[in-house]
Protein backbone atom coordinates (compact mmCIF):
# COMPACT_ATOMS: atom_id res chain seq x y z
CA MET A 1 94.35 126.18 92.37
CA GLN A 2 96.04 125.74 89.38
CA ALA A 3 98.12 123.37 90.04
CA SER A 4 95.19 121.67 91.89
CA THR A 5 94.03 121.67 88.18
CA ASP A 6 97.01 121.02 86.41
CA GLY A 7 97.16 117.93 88.25
CA VAL A 8 93.42 117.12 86.98
CA LEU A 9 94.44 117.14 83.53
CA ASN A 10 97.81 115.69 83.64
CA THR A 11 96.40 112.65 84.65
CA GLY A 12 93.36 112.72 82.40
CA ARG A 13 95.85 113.13 80.01
CA ALA A 14 98.00 110.35 81.39
CA PHE A 15 94.68 107.69 81.21
CA PHE A 16 93.51 108.70 77.68
CA ALA A 17 97.40 108.33 76.61
CA LEU A 18 97.88 104.46 78.58
CA GLY A 19 94.54 103.58 76.20
CA LEU A 20 95.49 104.98 73.21
CA VAL A 21 99.06 103.17 73.76
CA ALA A 22 96.68 99.37 74.57
CA PHE A 23 95.21 100.18 71.74
CA GLY A 24 97.73 100.11 69.39
CA VAL A 25 98.94 96.91 71.49
CA LEU A 26 96.15 95.30 70.45
CA GLN A 27 96.03 96.41 67.01
CA PHE A 28 99.23 93.97 67.26
CA PHE A 29 97.48 91.26 68.76
CA HIS A 30 94.19 90.86 67.19
CA GLY A 31 95.61 92.11 63.62
CA ASP A 32 92.57 94.63 63.23
CA PHE A 33 91.80 97.62 64.53
CA VAL A 34 90.33 97.50 67.80
CA ALA A 35 89.24 101.82 68.95
CA GLY A 36 85.54 102.43 68.30
CA ARG A 37 84.97 98.69 67.19
CA ALA A 38 85.07 99.49 64.02
CA PRO A 39 82.65 97.29 62.15
CA ALA A 40 84.92 93.93 60.45
CA TRP A 41 86.88 94.82 57.50
CA PRO A 42 85.11 95.08 54.48
CA ALA A 43 86.16 91.37 52.64
CA THR A 44 86.81 92.52 49.05
CA LEU A 45 89.33 94.45 50.13
CA SER A 46 92.79 93.59 51.24
CA GLY A 47 95.66 94.87 53.65
CA ARG A 48 93.66 94.85 56.96
CA LEU A 49 97.07 93.63 58.90
CA PRO A 50 99.14 96.60 57.23
CA TRP A 51 95.97 98.70 58.08
CA ALA A 52 96.02 97.41 61.95
CA TRP A 53 99.34 97.53 62.55
CA THR A 54 99.93 100.91 60.78
CA THR A 55 97.15 102.72 63.41
CA GLY A 56 98.58 100.50 66.17
CA VAL A 57 101.76 102.32 65.50
CA LEU A 58 99.50 105.60 65.70
CA PHE A 59 97.77 105.02 68.93
CA VAL A 60 101.27 103.93 70.92
CA VAL A 61 103.47 106.81 69.03
CA ALA A 62 100.77 109.23 70.02
CA GLY A 63 99.89 107.48 73.19
CA SER A 64 103.88 108.05 74.14
CA CYS A 65 103.95 111.67 72.64
CA ILE A 66 100.76 112.10 74.63
CA LEU A 67 103.03 110.69 78.29
CA ALA A 68 105.64 112.46 77.05
CA ASN A 69 104.39 116.58 76.46
CA ALA A 70 105.70 116.25 74.13
CA ARG A 71 106.02 119.24 70.87
CA ALA A 72 104.32 116.13 69.12
CA ALA A 73 101.58 115.21 71.12
CA ARG A 74 99.01 118.08 69.90
CA THR A 75 99.12 116.90 66.44
CA ALA A 76 98.93 112.87 66.84
CA ALA A 77 96.41 113.73 69.46
CA LEU A 78 94.14 115.61 66.65
CA LEU A 79 95.15 112.75 63.91
CA VAL A 80 93.94 110.17 66.83
CA GLY A 81 90.43 111.27 66.44
CA ILE A 82 90.18 112.35 63.10
CA THR A 83 91.26 108.72 62.29
CA ILE A 84 88.84 106.67 64.74
CA PHE A 85 86.44 109.47 64.03
CA GLY A 86 86.47 108.36 60.17
CA TRP A 87 86.79 104.15 60.63
CA ALA A 88 84.88 103.83 63.38
CA PHE A 89 81.78 105.86 63.69
CA LEU A 90 81.25 106.88 60.46
CA ARG A 91 81.29 103.36 59.32
CA HIS A 92 78.87 102.20 61.97
CA LEU A 93 76.22 104.97 60.32
CA PRO A 94 75.06 102.60 57.67
CA GLY A 95 74.42 100.39 60.08
CA LEU A 96 72.31 102.17 62.56
CA VAL A 97 70.54 102.84 59.66
CA SER A 98 69.85 99.69 59.30
CA SER A 99 69.66 98.23 62.70
CA PRO A 100 69.39 101.11 65.30
CA GLY A 101 69.46 100.11 68.89
CA GLY A 102 71.93 97.13 70.42
CA ALA A 103 75.73 96.29 70.14
CA ALA A 104 76.05 98.87 67.02
CA LEU A 105 74.19 102.02 68.67
CA THR A 106 76.61 101.37 71.71
CA ALA A 107 79.48 100.78 69.58
CA ALA A 108 78.94 104.29 67.49
CA GLY A 109 78.60 105.62 70.87
CA LYS A 110 82.03 104.83 72.32
CA ALA A 111 83.65 105.23 68.43
CA LEU A 112 82.10 109.02 69.59
CA ALA A 113 83.33 109.62 73.31
CA LEU A 114 86.59 108.69 71.90
CA THR A 115 86.89 110.84 69.25
CA GLY A 116 85.74 113.89 71.78
CA GLY A 117 88.59 112.73 73.83
CA ALA A 118 90.51 112.30 71.46
CA LEU A 119 89.81 115.78 70.45
CA ALA A 120 89.19 117.70 73.89
CA VAL A 121 93.36 115.92 74.75
CA ALA A 122 94.25 118.35 71.63
CA SER A 123 92.62 120.80 73.04
CA SER A 124 94.42 120.54 76.14
CA LEU A 125 98.17 120.48 74.45
CA SER A 126 96.76 124.03 73.82
CA PRO A 127 98.49 126.95 74.91
CA ARG A 128 96.51 128.88 78.50
CA SER A 129 94.50 131.88 75.63
CA GLY A 130 93.79 128.33 73.56
CA GLY A 131 92.87 130.23 69.91
CA SER A 132 90.99 128.15 67.71
CA TRP A 133 92.08 124.94 69.44
CA ARG A 134 89.02 125.95 72.36
CA LEU A 135 86.70 124.96 70.24
CA LEU A 136 87.66 121.53 70.12
CA ASP A 137 86.60 121.38 74.23
CA PRO A 138 82.79 121.21 73.03
CA ALA A 139 84.00 117.92 71.02
CA GLY A 140 85.25 116.25 73.66
CA ARG A 141 81.74 117.27 75.85
CA PHE A 142 79.44 115.97 73.33
CA GLY A 143 81.23 113.05 72.54
CA LEU A 144 81.44 111.74 76.26
CA GLY A 145 78.07 113.18 77.27
CA VAL A 146 75.55 111.67 74.56
CA PHE A 147 77.85 108.23 74.78
CA MET A 148 77.53 108.47 78.72
CA VAL A 149 73.78 109.70 77.97
CA LEU A 150 73.10 106.61 75.56
CA ALA A 151 75.00 104.20 78.27
CA GLY A 152 72.49 105.49 80.99
CA VAL A 153 69.11 104.05 79.37
CA GLN A 154 71.16 101.07 78.00
CA HIS A 155 71.58 100.46 81.51
CA PHE A 156 67.14 100.41 81.72
CA VAL A 157 66.85 98.78 78.85
CA TYR A 158 69.41 95.35 78.43
CA ALA A 159 68.96 95.89 82.76
CA SER A 160 69.61 91.96 83.27
CA PHE A 161 71.59 92.15 80.97
CA VAL A 162 74.01 94.75 82.59
CA ALA A 163 73.03 93.27 86.33
CA GLY A 164 75.47 90.15 84.75
CA LEU A 165 77.94 92.39 84.93
CA VAL A 166 78.19 93.66 87.75
CA PRO A 167 80.87 91.41 90.27
CA VAL A 168 78.84 88.26 91.96
CA TRP A 169 80.63 89.77 95.88
CA ILE A 170 78.26 93.18 95.41
CA PRO A 171 74.68 92.74 96.76
CA GLY A 172 71.99 94.04 95.27
CA ALA A 173 73.46 93.65 91.18
CA LEU A 174 69.99 94.67 89.40
CA VAL A 175 69.54 97.92 92.26
CA TRP A 176 73.17 98.78 91.06
CA THR A 177 72.15 99.06 87.40
CA CYS A 178 69.43 101.12 88.21
CA LEU A 179 71.13 103.42 89.95
CA THR A 180 74.77 103.69 87.16
CA GLY A 181 72.04 104.18 84.63
CA VAL A 182 70.79 106.90 86.92
CA ALA A 183 74.26 107.95 87.68
CA LEU A 184 75.71 108.11 83.53
CA ILE A 185 72.62 110.45 82.36
CA ALA A 186 73.01 112.67 85.09
CA GLY A 187 76.68 112.48 84.07
CA GLY A 188 76.51 113.03 80.81
CA VAL A 189 73.48 116.02 80.71
CA GLY A 190 75.82 117.44 83.40
CA LEU A 191 78.39 117.95 80.38
CA PHE A 192 76.13 120.14 78.71
CA LEU A 193 74.90 122.41 81.27
CA ARG A 194 77.44 125.41 82.13
CA PRO A 195 76.92 125.10 86.11
CA THR A 196 77.70 121.97 86.65
CA ARG A 197 79.99 120.60 84.05
CA ARG A 198 83.51 120.59 85.63
CA ARG A 199 81.60 118.62 88.49
CA ALA A 200 79.87 116.12 85.92
CA ALA A 201 83.03 115.58 84.62
CA LEU A 202 84.69 115.38 87.42
CA LEU A 203 82.40 112.48 89.30
CA SER A 204 81.91 110.88 85.93
CA GLY A 205 84.97 110.44 85.90
CA LEU A 206 86.27 108.78 89.30
CA MET A 207 82.76 106.70 88.89
CA ILE A 208 84.03 105.33 85.81
CA LEU A 209 87.82 104.66 86.86
CA SER A 210 85.88 103.06 90.41
CA TRP A 211 84.34 101.10 87.61
CA VAL A 212 88.16 100.23 86.01
CA VAL A 213 89.32 98.77 89.47
CA LEU A 214 86.47 96.96 90.06
CA LEU A 215 84.38 95.28 86.87
CA HIS A 216 87.10 95.14 83.68
CA LEU A 217 90.06 94.27 85.08
CA PRO A 218 89.07 91.61 87.18
CA ARG A 219 86.80 90.48 84.24
CA ALA A 220 89.84 90.56 81.18
CA TRP A 221 92.18 89.38 84.26
CA SER A 222 90.36 86.51 83.75
CA ALA A 223 88.65 86.49 80.95
CA GLY A 224 89.62 82.77 77.89
CA PRO A 225 90.85 83.45 75.00
CA ALA A 226 87.71 83.87 73.62
CA GLU A 227 86.38 87.04 75.75
CA SER A 228 89.47 88.07 75.54
CA ARG A 229 90.00 90.39 73.15
CA ASN A 230 86.90 92.26 73.89
CA GLU A 231 87.30 92.21 77.90
CA TRP A 232 91.24 94.27 77.16
CA THR A 233 89.28 96.15 75.28
CA ALA A 234 86.51 97.34 77.52
CA LEU A 235 89.44 97.94 80.22
CA PHE A 236 91.30 100.34 78.44
CA GLU A 237 87.77 101.68 76.15
CA ALA A 238 86.50 103.14 80.08
CA LEU A 239 90.59 103.91 80.70
CA ALA A 240 90.11 106.01 78.19
CA PHE A 241 86.92 107.57 79.10
CA ALA A 242 87.61 108.55 82.58
CA GLY A 243 90.90 110.57 81.32
CA THR A 244 88.42 112.11 79.15
CA ALA A 245 86.16 113.19 82.13
CA PHE A 246 88.66 114.03 84.28
CA VAL A 247 90.26 116.25 81.46
CA LEU A 248 87.29 118.01 80.65
CA ALA A 249 86.98 119.00 84.37
CA GLY A 250 90.13 120.56 84.14
CA ARG A 251 89.42 122.30 80.66
CA GLU A 252 86.51 124.14 82.69
CA ARG A 253 88.45 124.87 86.32
CA SER A 254 91.24 126.40 83.45
CA ASP A 255 88.33 128.71 81.52
CA ASN A 256 86.49 129.63 84.92
CA ASP A 257 90.25 130.90 86.29
CA ALA A 258 91.30 132.12 82.97
């Protein structure tokens, strides 16, 4: 049983780490901060490229440390969570006040989920007893759970748009849109309920991972120059979300086994 738990944890950490490395590489390509879909760099400030490249290095180094299970991995994951929270999530809040809903709400949800994912990964790299690091686990569940419920609701509010993202070779796009909306809401709520936490996290991770393969990878691969940044960012966001879910599933089993 412990071997199975370790496998889920290691897989989740690897997926999240690969997402971080990809964010860093994308920031060098685009010269901008991509993790958490932060608002545009303020027009009155200079230093956009140095900030993009510096944080890009942080993401690449942090992801590499997590993949290698290096001694600095836990601190690196914590720094990533703080960076995304401060530069992306908090900067989304003024926009949400002036225009709640739509793309701004989605972006804020992604920033919150990535922040929670980084904190959950940091917690998972602590010793088995965890100590105060265990306090970061609820942050991971909260970030991913809230985002999943939000995304599920948006599947119904923007059903026509979401249905247009379903690959053409899959029949019944609108039906699948509604079904995935229900699944996202159920998975998000399940992360908050102790009896269902592990199963909700594991099934949510598998669901999101299937979208990486069936939806995001083909779209990113075929994207033109105008859509390239969005599609590749979306691909690695989904991979990081799947990784977060697997980490939460593994942590829940560790708690139950302890």
